Every structure is written in structure tokens, then in C-alpha cells.
């Protein structure tokens, strides 16, 4: 079931033109979820629209989704479907928090120049 939920989430994000989507396999690493999806929208408006659309599609299929967190700013919105947790960011916010690194995953190359702004040095 988690894999089907993940497939749906990735398809919806692709439809909504999400960028730099990364899937992190959490199985065996934590009990909070099986997968973590991190993605980027170009603006707060796009992040909000993507999270609304994603939550609606999941609910339509009977997948329980709590209220997405991160409104009304929509800099960083979290959608939790239980088995799959989705973090939707504006690019600058994603680069600042760089949550991929917490799981041992490098951020996408397109965000590395933004990450360097927060690290105080050149991108590696």
C-alpha cells in the first residue's frame, strides 16, 4: 500500500509541475513513515496549490490526510498521508533547511547554489 500511495503522490506532483522531487526510503530507518518526499514549487502560491491538490486527491481515494501544515505562508507545507510524508518548499526555504541531508541524501544540484548562501561558502 505505501508504494501505491507513493506512486499517486509522485504523479500528482508531476502533474502540478513540482521541481527537484526526491523520494527518501525510510523503511528500516524510522517508524514514522515508509517514504519521505521532498519537492519544490516556484512560489508560495504554487506550493499552496500543490498541497491542496495533493491532499484532495489522497482524500478522494480514501487515504487519511490530516490538515496540511504550513498555511497560510506556504513557504513549507507538510502533507502527511501516514505511510508517505510530503514536504513542499519554496526553493529558498528548501535550501535553508536542507532536510535531505538529515537523511544522508544530497540536495538537487539546482539548489546547491542557494544552499551555499546559507552555509557561508561556495557550493560543494
Protein backbone atom coordinates (compact mmCIF):
# COMPACT_ATOMS: atom_id res chain seq x y z
CA UNK A 1 0.00 0.00 0.00
CA UNK A 2 2.75 2.57 0.76
CA UNK A 3 4.16 2.08 -2.74
CA UNK A 4 0.77 2.80 -4.35
CA UNK A 5 0.39 5.93 -2.24
CA UNK A 6 3.89 6.99 -3.23
CA UNK A 7 3.12 6.44 -6.93
CA UNK A 8 -0.01 8.56 -6.67
CA UNK A 9 1.81 11.34 -4.83
CA UNK A 10 4.61 11.44 -7.39
CA UNK A 11 2.10 11.51 -10.26
CA UNK A 12 0.14 14.38 -8.71
CA UNK A 13 3.31 16.37 -8.03
CA UNK A 14 4.44 15.79 -11.61
CA UNK A 15 1.07 16.99 -12.94
CA UNK A 16 1.43 20.14 -10.85
CA UNK A 17 4.95 20.84 -12.19
CA UNK A 18 6.79 20.24 -8.92
CA UNK A 19 10.55 20.54 -9.29
CA UNK A 20 13.52 18.66 -7.85
CA UNK A 21 11.39 15.92 -6.33
CA UNK A 22 13.34 13.46 -4.20
CA UNK A 23 11.99 10.29 -2.61
CA UNK A 24 13.77 9.03 0.50
CA UNK A 25 13.16 5.43 1.55
CA UNK A 26 12.69 5.42 5.32
CA UNK A 27 11.87 1.75 5.73
CA UNK A 28 14.05 0.30 8.47
CA UNK A 29 15.28 3.77 9.48
CA UNK A 30 12.26 5.09 11.36
CA UNK A 31 8.73 4.09 12.25
CA UNK A 32 7.19 7.48 11.39
CA UNK A 33 6.69 6.65 7.68
CA UNK A 34 7.90 4.42 4.86
CA UNK A 35 8.79 7.25 2.48
CA UNK A 36 9.62 10.93 2.63
CA UNK A 37 9.07 13.05 -0.47
CA UNK A 38 10.73 16.45 -0.73
CA UNK A 39 9.82 18.76 -3.59
CA UNK A 40 9.84 22.40 -4.65
CA UNK A 41 7.33 24.86 -6.05
CA UNK A 42 8.40 28.11 -7.66
CA UNK A 43 6.27 30.32 -5.39
CA UNK A 44 4.18 30.24 -2.24
CA UNK A 45 1.09 30.19 -4.43
CA UNK A 46 2.28 27.10 -6.30
CA UNK A 47 3.29 25.34 -3.06
CA UNK A 48 -0.17 26.03 -1.62
CA UNK A 49 -1.96 24.87 -4.75
CA UNK A 50 0.13 21.69 -4.98
CA UNK A 51 -0.51 20.80 -1.35
CA UNK A 52 -4.27 21.45 -1.69
CA UNK A 53 -4.46 19.35 -4.86
CA UNK A 54 -2.41 16.54 -3.34
CA UNK A 55 -4.48 16.40 -0.13
CA UNK A 56 -7.72 16.41 -2.13
CA UNK A 57 -6.60 13.59 -4.43
CA UNK A 58 -5.46 11.46 -1.49
CA UNK A 59 -8.76 12.02 0.35
CA UNK A 60 -10.72 11.16 -2.80
CA UNK A 61 -9.03 7.74 -2.73
CA UNK A 62 -9.87 7.24 0.94
CA UNK A 63 -6.35 7.89 2.20
CA UNK A 64 -6.44 9.73 5.50
CA UNK A 65 -4.65 13.04 5.35
CA UNK A 66 -4.64 15.37 8.31
CA UNK A 67 -4.77 19.07 7.69
CA UNK A 68 -1.65 20.06 5.76
CA UNK A 69 0.61 22.20 7.93
CA UNK A 70 2.32 25.37 6.79
CA UNK A 71 -0.58 27.60 5.81
CA UNK A 72 -1.05 30.50 5.24
CA UNK A 73 2.57 31.34 4.36
CA UNK A 74 3.11 28.27 2.12
CA UNK A 75 6.89 28.57 2.36
CA UNK A 76 6.98 24.97 3.63
CA UNK A 77 3.87 22.80 3.66
CA UNK A 78 3.76 19.29 5.09
CA UNK A 79 1.21 16.74 3.88
CA UNK A 80 1.14 13.54 5.95
CA UNK A 81 -0.60 10.51 4.47
CA UNK A 82 0.71 8.17 7.16
CA UNK A 83 2.94 5.95 5.02
CA UNK A 84 4.31 8.84 2.97
CA UNK A 85 5.17 12.30 4.29
CA UNK A 86 5.49 15.07 1.72
CA UNK A 87 7.40 18.32 2.26
CA UNK A 88 6.67 21.03 -0.30
CA UNK A 89 9.00 24.03 -0.25
CA UNK A 90 9.75 27.30 -1.94
CA UNK A 91 13.34 27.00 -3.28
CA UNK A 92 14.96 29.37 -0.78
CA UNK A 93 13.29 27.70 2.19
CA UNK A 94 14.23 24.23 0.99
CA UNK A 95 17.85 25.32 0.57
CA UNK A 96 17.88 26.86 4.05
CA UNK A 97 16.57 23.77 5.88
CA UNK A 98 18.10 21.18 3.55
CA UNK A 99 16.24 18.32 5.24
CA UNK A 100 17.57 15.84 2.69
CA UNK A 101 20.97 15.96 4.38
CA UNK A 102 19.42 14.81 7.65
CA UNK A 103 18.68 11.51 5.87
CA UNK A 104 22.07 11.32 4.13
CA UNK A 105 20.78 12.48 0.74
CA UNK A 106 22.38 15.28 -1.22
CA UNK A 107 20.06 18.10 -2.32
CA UNK A 108 19.46 18.56 -6.04
CA UNK A 109 22.18 20.39 -7.94
CA UNK A 110 19.78 23.22 -8.79
CA UNK A 111 19.52 24.06 -5.07
CA UNK A 112 23.23 23.86 -4.26
CA UNK A 113 23.93 27.48 -5.15
CA UNK A 114 21.13 28.55 -2.80
CA UNK A 115 22.45 26.23 -0.08
CA UNK A 116 25.87 27.89 -0.35
CA UNK A 117 24.24 31.22 0.55
CA UNK A 118 23.24 29.73 3.91
CA UNK A 119 26.42 27.73 4.53
CA UNK A 120 28.54 30.84 4.15
CA UNK A 121 30.72 29.36 1.46
CA UNK A 122 30.78 28.04 -2.07
CA UNK A 123 28.56 25.15 -3.10
CA UNK A 124 30.27 21.78 -2.97
